[in-house]
């Protein structure tokens, strides 16, 4: 499904107004209001404020939904485009109360989830550190304290390269696996927080829960594939060629780390054998 060229209006206090094709969705914090196009009388823009006025029966004040603090450039594109999409109503058509067609639901706020990749790196770092210290002590107890110090450094280097390469390859595998066997949804950009285009996106799983994911992208929305049994496990969909390119560097790290580990095993085995 192609992404709409109509911009998403992001206003003050976290207010968002978005066109979905047959409705406008107004949201703020944990409240989401769906406004069908047939319920809208007209839209107005005044400076950095966009107002959606609903149909109302004669003699009653119409309900309105406002978004303040939006980009004037975005509003200048949004209002005419949505106005052109409004259904044409015959003059003799019976007046309706647009607010009766509007639906409101509560959406759970995305939690600040512990990134599985960061958690994995932390656990692997602790394991490598513990194993390096234990091996260095074992070498030192054989009277080779200089070799024990070198063992500590080399073990940390080899284990770190091996672990980082393996973890990075597992993430590349996730990038390949989830788009094929998971559930793909559209995620909206929440924030950009680095110079190289890395941003944070929010997606909603099949249970209505929202989750955050970080990745390099320049578009306001991206396709995200997640594991239906573990919706917090997700990946931004990328091309197969890009996945192959991303696998080369971690593969090199993995092979280098295994080479260092093999050298370490050879040296320490000589120590334990009295060489």
Protein backbone atom coordinates (compact mmCIF):
# COMPACT_ATOMS: atom_id res chain seq x y z
CA UNK A 1 0.00 0.00 0.00
CA UNK A 2 1.60 3.34 -1.04
CA UNK A 3 2.26 5.92 1.66
CA UNK A 4 0.06 9.02 1.38
CA UNK A 5 1.78 12.25 0.30
CA UNK A 6 -0.52 14.22 2.63
CA UNK A 7 1.67 15.29 5.57
CA UNK A 8 1.06 14.30 9.17
CA UNK A 9 0.41 17.37 11.33
CA UNK A 10 2.35 17.31 14.59
CA UNK A 11 1.35 20.04 17.02
CA UNK A 12 2.04 21.15 20.56
CA UNK A 13 1.51 18.92 23.61
CA UNK A 14 1.95 15.78 21.51
CA UNK A 15 -1.14 16.40 19.36
CA UNK A 16 -1.16 14.66 15.96
CA UNK A 17 -3.63 14.88 13.08
CA UNK A 18 -3.30 12.33 10.28
CA UNK A 19 -5.27 11.49 7.13
CA UNK A 20 -5.85 7.73 6.69
CA UNK A 21 -7.81 7.73 3.42
CA UNK A 22 -11.36 7.57 4.76
CA UNK A 23 -10.94 9.40 8.07
CA UNK A 24 -8.87 11.85 10.06
CA UNK A 25 -7.22 10.55 13.21
CA UNK A 26 -6.68 13.11 15.97
CA UNK A 27 -4.54 11.86 18.83
CA UNK A 28 -2.89 13.17 21.96
CA UNK A 29 -1.18 11.22 24.73
CA UNK A 30 -3.22 8.01 25.11
CA UNK A 31 -6.43 9.23 23.38
CA UNK A 32 -7.14 8.58 19.70
CA UNK A 33 -10.17 10.06 17.93
CA UNK A 34 -11.23 8.72 14.53
CA UNK A 35 -13.23 11.26 12.47
CA UNK A 36 -14.85 9.82 9.31
CA UNK A 37 -14.76 12.15 6.32
CA UNK A 38 -18.56 12.12 6.10
CA UNK A 39 -18.68 13.69 9.58
CA UNK A 40 -16.58 16.71 8.60
CA UNK A 41 -18.12 20.01 7.52
CA UNK A 42 -14.86 21.77 6.66
CA UNK A 43 -11.28 22.41 7.71
CA UNK A 44 -9.70 25.76 8.48
CA UNK A 45 -6.13 26.88 8.92
CA UNK A 46 -5.15 30.04 10.78
CA UNK A 47 -1.43 30.55 11.16
CA UNK A 48 -0.11 27.45 12.92
CA UNK A 49 -3.56 26.18 13.95
CA UNK A 50 -5.70 23.71 11.99
CA UNK A 51 -9.34 23.25 13.00
CA UNK A 52 -11.59 20.38 11.96
CA UNK A 53 -15.25 21.40 12.23
CA UNK A 54 -17.86 18.64 12.26
CA UNK A 55 -21.34 18.68 10.78
CA UNK A 56 -24.03 19.93 13.14
CA UNK A 57 -27.78 20.14 13.05
CA UNK A 58 -29.37 23.55 12.62
CA UNK A 59 -29.29 25.64 15.74
CA UNK A 60 -26.49 23.69 17.44
CA UNK A 61 -22.83 24.57 17.77
CA UNK A 62 -20.56 22.24 15.77
CA UNK A 63 -17.94 20.16 17.54
CA UNK A 64 -14.36 20.98 16.61
CA UNK A 65 -10.95 19.37 16.92
CA UNK A 66 -7.87 21.61 16.89
CA UNK A 67 -4.18 21.13 16.41
CA UNK A 68 -2.05 24.07 17.53
CA UNK A 69 1.61 24.72 16.80
CA UNK A 70 1.79 22.85 13.48
CA UNK A 71 4.11 23.66 10.60
CA UNK A 72 2.47 26.29 8.38
CA UNK A 73 3.98 24.65 5.31
CA UNK A 74 2.49 21.28 6.30
CA UNK A 75 -0.90 22.85 7.08
CA UNK A 76 -0.95 24.57 3.67
CA UNK A 77 -0.65 21.14 2.03
CA UNK A 78 -2.85 19.22 4.48
CA UNK A 79 -6.01 21.33 4.49
CA UNK A 80 -6.59 21.59 0.69
CA UNK A 81 -5.76 17.91 0.17
CA UNK A 82 -8.19 16.68 2.83
CA UNK A 83 -10.85 19.20 1.75
CA UNK A 84 -10.67 17.79 -1.78
CA UNK A 85 -11.23 14.30 -0.37
CA UNK A 86 -14.41 15.23 1.54
CA UNK A 87 -17.56 13.63 0.12
CA UNK A 88 -19.91 15.83 -1.87
CA UNK A 89 -23.21 16.32 -0.04
CA UNK A 90 -26.40 17.27 -1.82
CA UNK A 91 -28.00 20.50 -0.65
CA UNK A 92 -31.27 18.69 0.18
CA UNK A 93 -29.47 16.03 2.24
CA UNK A 94 -30.62 15.73 5.84
CA UNK A 95 -28.32 17.44 8.29
CA UNK A 96 -26.57 15.05 10.65
CA UNK A 97 -24.63 15.45 13.86
CA UNK A 98 -21.07 14.65 12.87
CA UNK A 99 -20.04 13.99 16.46
CA UNK A 100 -22.22 10.85 16.51
CA UNK A 101 -20.01 9.32 13.81
CA UNK A 102 -16.78 9.96 15.70
CA UNK A 103 -15.18 7.15 17.70
CA UNK A 104 -12.72 7.52 20.56
CA UNK A 105 -10.41 4.90 22.01
CA UNK A 106 -7.67 4.77 24.58
CA UNK A 107 -4.27 3.68 23.32
CA UNK A 108 -1.64 2.36 25.69
CA UNK A 109 1.46 4.51 25.75
CA UNK A 110 4.63 2.79 24.53
CA UNK A 111 6.80 1.74 27.42
CA UNK A 112 10.49 2.48 27.63
CA UNK A 113 11.49 -1.06 26.80
CA UNK A 114 14.92 -2.45 27.49
CA UNK A 115 16.47 -2.86 24.03
CA UNK A 116 17.05 -6.64 23.53
CA UNK A 117 20.28 -5.87 21.66
CA UNK A 118 21.65 -3.76 24.51
CA UNK A 119 20.57 -6.36 27.05
CA UNK A 120 22.30 -9.09 25.05
CA UNK A 121 25.50 -7.04 24.76
CA UNK A 122 25.48 -6.39 28.50
CA UNK A 123 25.05 -10.06 29.35
CA UNK A 124 27.73 -11.15 26.88
CA UNK A 125 30.15 -8.52 28.21
CA UNK A 126 29.65 -9.82 31.75
CA UNK A 127 30.20 -13.41 30.61
CA UNK A 128 33.37 -12.52 28.67
CA UNK A 129 34.70 -10.50 31.57
CA UNK A 130 34.12 -13.33 34.04
CA UNK A 131 35.68 -15.94 31.76
CA UNK A 132 38.71 -13.73 31.05
CA UNK A 133 39.38 -13.18 34.75
CA UNK A 134 38.99 -16.88 35.55
CA UNK A 135 41.38 -17.88 32.75
CA UNK A 136 43.94 -15.25 33.74
CA UNK A 137 43.86 -16.43 37.37
CA UNK A 138 44.36 -20.01 36.22
CA UNK A 139 47.44 -18.99 34.23
CA UNK A 140 48.73 -16.89 37.14
CA UNK A 141 48.42 -19.79 39.56
CA UNK A 142 50.88 -21.63 37.33
CA UNK A 143 53.42 -18.92 38.12
CA UNK A 144 53.10 -17.05 34.83
CA UNK A 145 51.72 -13.69 36.01
CA UNK A 146 52.98 -11.76 33.00
CA UNK A 147 51.24 -14.25 30.74
CA UNK A 148 48.24 -14.02 33.03
CA UNK A 149 48.02 -10.27 32.36
CA UNK A 150 48.41 -10.80 28.62
CA UNK A 151 45.82 -13.58 28.77
CA UNK A 152 43.34 -11.19 30.38
CA UNK A 153 43.78 -8.62 27.62
CA UNK A 154 43.78 -11.08 24.73
CA UNK A 155 40.80 -13.04 26.11
CA UNK A 156 38.78 -9.85 26.42
CA UNK A 157 39.75 -8.81 22.87
CA UNK A 158 39.07 -12.19 21.27
CA UNK A 159 35.90 -12.83 23.20
CA UNK A 160 34.62 -9.33 22.55
CA UNK A 161 35.23 -9.51 18.80
CA UNK A 162 33.63 -12.94 18.60
CA UNK A 163 30.60 -11.98 20.66
CA UNK A 164 30.04 -8.65 18.93
CA UNK A 165 30.34 -10.26 15.50
CA UNK A 166 27.94 -13.07 16.45
CA UNK A 167 25.38 -10.69 17.95
CA UNK A 168 25.55 -8.38 14.94
CA UNK A 169 25.04 -11.33 12.61
CA UNK A 170 22.03 -12.41 14.65
CA UNK A 171 20.55 -8.93 14.18
CA UNK A 172 21.13 -9.16 10.41
CA UNK A 173 19.39 -12.55 10.49
CA UNK A 174 16.47 -10.94 12.29
CA UNK A 175 16.31 -8.31 9.53
CA UNK A 176 15.95 -11.14 7.02
CA UNK A 177 13.70 -13.49 9.04
CA UNK A 178 11.01 -11.22 10.50
CA UNK A 179 9.79 -9.62 7.22
CA UNK A 180 9.25 -13.15 5.86
CA UNK A 181 7.73 -14.89 8.87
CA UNK A 182 6.54 -12.07 11.15
CA UNK A 183 3.86 -9.38 10.98
CA UNK A 184 4.65 -6.21 9.03
CA UNK A 185 3.09 -2.88 10.05
CA UNK A 186 3.77 0.79 9.45
CA UNK A 187 5.68 2.68 12.15
CA UNK A 188 5.66 6.46 12.62
CA UNK A 189 8.77 8.48 13.34
CA UNK A 190 8.79 9.72 16.92
CA UNK A 191 12.18 11.39 17.14
CA UNK A 192 15.47 11.82 15.35
CA UNK A 193 18.33 11.89 17.78
CA UNK A 194 21.64 11.61 15.94
CA UNK A 195 23.51 13.21 13.09
CA UNK A 196 23.59 10.09 10.90
CA UNK A 197 19.84 9.70 10.43
CA UNK A 198 19.14 7.30 13.28
CA UNK A 199 15.59 7.80 14.50
CA UNK A 200 13.09 6.29 16.87
CA UNK A 201 9.82 4.89 15.52
CA UNK A 202 6.61 3.70 17.18
CA UNK A 203 4.55 0.76 15.92
CA UNK A 204 1.37 -0.91 17.20
CA UNK A 205 1.05 -4.68 17.58
CA UNK A 206 -2.07 -6.83 17.09
CA UNK A 207 -3.07 -6.28 20.73
CA UNK A 208 -3.08 -2.49 20.42
CA UNK A 209 0.15 -2.09 22.39
CA UNK A 210 2.72 0.34 21.05
CA UNK A 211 6.44 -0.30 20.97
CA UNK A 212 9.54 1.70 20.06
CA UNK A 213 12.28 0.72 17.65
CA UNK A 214 15.40 2.59 16.54
CA UNK A 215 16.94 2.54 13.09
CA UNK A 216 18.46 4.55 10.28
CA UNK A 217 15.79 6.03 8.03
CA UNK A 218 14.93 9.43 6.58
CA UNK A 219 11.20 8.93 5.97
CA UNK A 220 8.41 9.87 8.43
CA UNK A 221 7.14 6.27 8.35
CA UNK A 222 8.81 2.90 7.84
CA UNK A 223 7.68 -0.70 7.59
CA UNK A 224 8.45 -2.71 10.70
CA UNK A 225 8.17 -6.50 11.02
CA UNK A 226 7.67 -7.99 14.48
CA UNK A 227 7.45 -11.46 16.01
CA UNK A 228 3.74 -12.10 16.81
CA UNK A 229 4.70 -14.18 19.86
CA UNK A 230 7.08 -11.45 21.10
CA UNK A 231 5.89 -8.14 19.59
CA UNK A 232 8.72 -6.22 21.25
CA UNK A 233 11.15 -8.13 18.99
CA UNK A 234 11.11 -6.28 15.68
CA UNK A 235 13.18 -5.09 12.75
CA UNK A 236 12.87 -2.31 10.21
CA UNK A 237 12.31 -3.89 6.79
CA UNK A 238 15.24 -3.49 4.39
CA UNK A 239 16.25 -4.84 1.00
CA UNK A 240 18.03 -8.18 0.72
CA UNK A 241 21.05 -6.49 -0.88
CA UNK A 242 21.38 -4.17 2.10
CA UNK A 243 21.13 -7.10 4.51
CA UNK A 244 23.95 -8.90 2.68
CA UNK A 245 26.12 -5.78 2.85
CA UNK A 246 25.37 -5.40 6.55
CA UNK A 247 26.50 -8.98 7.21
CA UNK A 248 30.03 -8.54 5.80
CA UNK A 249 31.50 -6.41 8.60
CA UNK A 250 30.18 -8.50 11.54
CA UNK A 251 31.27 -11.65 9.72
CA UNK A 252 34.79 -10.23 9.53
CA UNK A 253 34.68 -9.39 13.26
CA UNK A 254 33.51 -12.92 14.07
CA UNK A 255 36.33 -14.54 12.08
CA UNK A 256 38.93 -12.19 13.59
CA UNK A 257 37.66 -12.93 17.08
CA UNK A 258 37.77 -16.68 16.49
CA UNK A 259 41.35 -16.33 15.27
CA UNK A 260 42.36 -14.48 18.45
CA UNK A 261 40.59 -17.09 20.59
CA UNK A 262 42.42 -19.90 18.76
CA UNK A 263 45.75 -18.17 19.38
CA UNK A 264 44.87 -17.73 23.06
CA UNK A 265 43.99 -21.42 23.42
CA UNK A 266 47.33 -22.37 21.86
CA UNK A 267 49.34 -20.12 24.21
CA UNK A 268 47.50 -21.03 27.42
CA UNK A 269 47.66 -24.74 26.61
CA UNK A 270 51.45 -24.46 26.58
CA UNK A 271 51.35 -22.86 30.02
CA UNK A 272 49.16 -25.62 31.47
CA UNK A 273 51.42 -28.27 29.89
CA UNK A 274 54.52 -26.70 31.42
CA UNK A 275 55.84 -25.32 28.14
